[in-house]
């Protein structure tokens, strides 16, 4: 029961950290290329490319091996949402939000055996 209470506490705190993603429109961040990366991942998935390594819309229209050099896992989630018809900004927000919540939850499960309820 204590483990569940701590987990709920961690989830509530992580949702508080992503509250700016709930607001309407674009959100402030340092790297504006994230939405473009979600879009090109979604287009590549729609075209049947898996695993996605080469994206055709970057590199001034010549293509670019983006996902050979940049970790593709979160973009598979965002690109899948975009390929299913979700707006690109909303798919990016979901990608960041789910990633933040999952990071907090997995860190809790990592620290719980060592610290107990203090992990929260």
Protein backbone atom coordinates (compact mmCIF):
# COMPACT_ATOMS: atom_id res chain seq x y z
CA UNK A 1 0.00 0.00 0.00
CA UNK A 2 2.85 2.38 0.81
CA UNK A 3 4.37 1.72 -2.59
CA UNK A 4 1.11 2.69 -4.31
CA UNK A 5 0.81 5.90 -2.28
CA UNK A 6 4.35 6.88 -3.19
CA UNK A 7 3.70 6.08 -6.84
CA UNK A 8 0.56 8.24 -6.88
CA UNK A 9 2.55 11.07 -5.28
CA UNK A 10 5.24 10.79 -7.96
CA UNK A 11 2.65 10.80 -10.76
CA UNK A 12 0.95 13.89 -9.33
CA UNK A 13 4.28 15.72 -9.09
CA UNK A 14 5.23 14.75 -12.62
CA UNK A 15 1.91 16.01 -13.97
CA UNK A 16 2.58 19.30 -12.24
CA UNK A 17 5.87 19.52 -14.13
CA UNK A 18 4.16 19.14 -17.51
CA UNK A 19 1.32 21.58 -16.87
CA UNK A 20 2.61 23.97 -19.54
CA UNK A 21 1.94 21.27 -22.13
CA UNK A 22 -1.78 21.35 -21.32
CA UNK A 23 -2.16 24.96 -22.42
CA UNK A 24 -3.44 25.74 -25.90
CA UNK A 25 -1.01 26.33 -28.73
CA UNK A 26 2.72 25.98 -28.93
CA UNK A 27 4.80 25.78 -25.79
CA UNK A 28 8.07 27.56 -25.00
CA UNK A 29 11.21 25.48 -25.43
CA UNK A 30 14.77 25.90 -26.61
CA UNK A 31 14.63 23.52 -29.56
CA UNK A 32 11.92 24.23 -32.12
CA UNK A 33 12.87 21.30 -34.35
CA UNK A 34 11.08 18.71 -32.21
CA UNK A 35 7.76 19.20 -34.00
CA UNK A 36 9.45 18.81 -37.38
CA UNK A 37 11.08 15.59 -36.22
CA UNK A 38 7.72 14.22 -35.12
CA UNK A 39 6.21 15.15 -38.50
CA UNK A 40 8.93 13.48 -40.55
CA UNK A 41 8.76 10.39 -38.34
CA UNK A 42 5.00 10.22 -38.87
CA UNK A 43 5.40 10.59 -42.63
CA UNK A 44 8.04 7.87 -42.73
CA UNK A 45 5.82 5.54 -40.71
CA UNK A 46 2.89 6.26 -43.04
CA UNK A 47 5.11 5.32 -45.98
CA UNK A 48 5.86 1.97 -44.35
CA UNK A 49 9.44 2.64 -43.38
CA UNK A 50 10.43 0.70 -40.26
CA UNK A 51 12.85 1.11 -38.66
CA UNK A 52 12.95 4.75 -39.65
CA UNK A 53 16.47 5.87 -40.44
CA UNK A 54 16.18 8.19 -43.44
CA UNK A 55 13.74 11.11 -43.48
CA UNK A 56 13.03 12.58 -46.87
CA UNK A 57 11.84 16.08 -45.93
CA UNK A 58 14.95 17.31 -44.13
CA UNK A 59 18.30 18.30 -45.61
CA UNK A 60 16.80 20.87 -48.01
CA UNK A 61 14.61 18.21 -49.62
CA UNK A 62 17.45 15.77 -50.26
CA UNK A 63 16.78 13.72 -47.15
CA UNK A 64 18.78 13.18 -44.01
CA UNK A 65 19.76 10.13 -41.93
CA UNK A 66 18.41 11.76 -38.78
CA UNK A 67 17.56 8.66 -36.81
CA UNK A 68 20.96 7.10 -37.39
CA UNK A 69 22.37 9.82 -35.15
CA UNK A 70 19.43 10.82 -32.95
CA UNK A 71 17.59 8.40 -30.67
CA UNK A 72 14.31 7.47 -32.38
CA UNK A 73 12.31 5.86 -29.54
CA UNK A 74 10.29 8.89 -28.36
CA UNK A 75 9.72 9.95 -31.95
CA UNK A 76 8.15 6.58 -32.74
CA UNK A 77 5.48 7.42 -30.18
CA UNK A 78 4.97 10.98 -31.42
CA UNK A 79 5.20 9.98 -35.06
CA UNK A 80 2.67 7.20 -34.54
CA UNK A 81 0.23 9.69 -33.07
CA UNK A 82 0.84 12.02 -35.99
CA UNK A 83 0.39 9.17 -38.47
CA UNK A 84 -2.94 8.36 -36.82
CA UNK A 85 -4.17 11.91 -37.44
CA UNK A 86 -3.25 13.82 -34.27
CA UNK A 87 -2.02 17.38 -34.80
CA UNK A 88 1.78 17.68 -34.89
CA UNK A 89 2.02 20.05 -31.92
CA UNK A 90 -0.35 17.90 -29.87
CA UNK A 91 1.62 14.76 -30.76
CA UNK A 92 4.81 16.49 -29.62
CA UNK A 93 3.16 17.56 -26.37
CA UNK A 94 1.99 13.99 -25.73
CA UNK A 95 5.48 12.72 -26.51
CA UNK A 96 7.07 15.09 -23.97
CA UNK A 97 4.35 14.58 -21.36
CA UNK A 98 4.35 10.79 -21.45
CA UNK A 99 8.14 10.77 -21.45
CA UNK A 100 8.30 12.97 -18.36
CA UNK A 101 5.72 10.93 -16.44
CA UNK A 102 7.37 7.63 -17.40
CA UNK A 103 10.78 8.97 -16.38
CA UNK A 104 9.45 9.88 -12.94
CA UNK A 105 7.70 6.54 -12.48
CA UNK A 106 10.71 4.47 -13.54
CA UNK A 107 13.00 6.51 -11.30
CA UNK A 108 10.63 5.81 -8.41
CA UNK A 109 10.77 2.06 -9.13
CA UNK A 110 14.55 2.24 -9.33
CA UNK A 111 14.94 4.03 -6.00
CA UNK A 112 12.16 2.32 -4.03
CA UNK A 113 14.19 -0.82 -3.16
CA UNK A 114 17.04 1.37 -1.87
CA UNK A 115 15.18 4.20 -0.13
CA UNK A 116 11.70 2.89 0.52
CA UNK A 117 9.01 5.54 0.72
CA UNK A 118 11.67 8.28 0.62
CA UNK A 119 11.98 7.52 -3.10
CA UNK A 120 8.90 9.65 -3.62
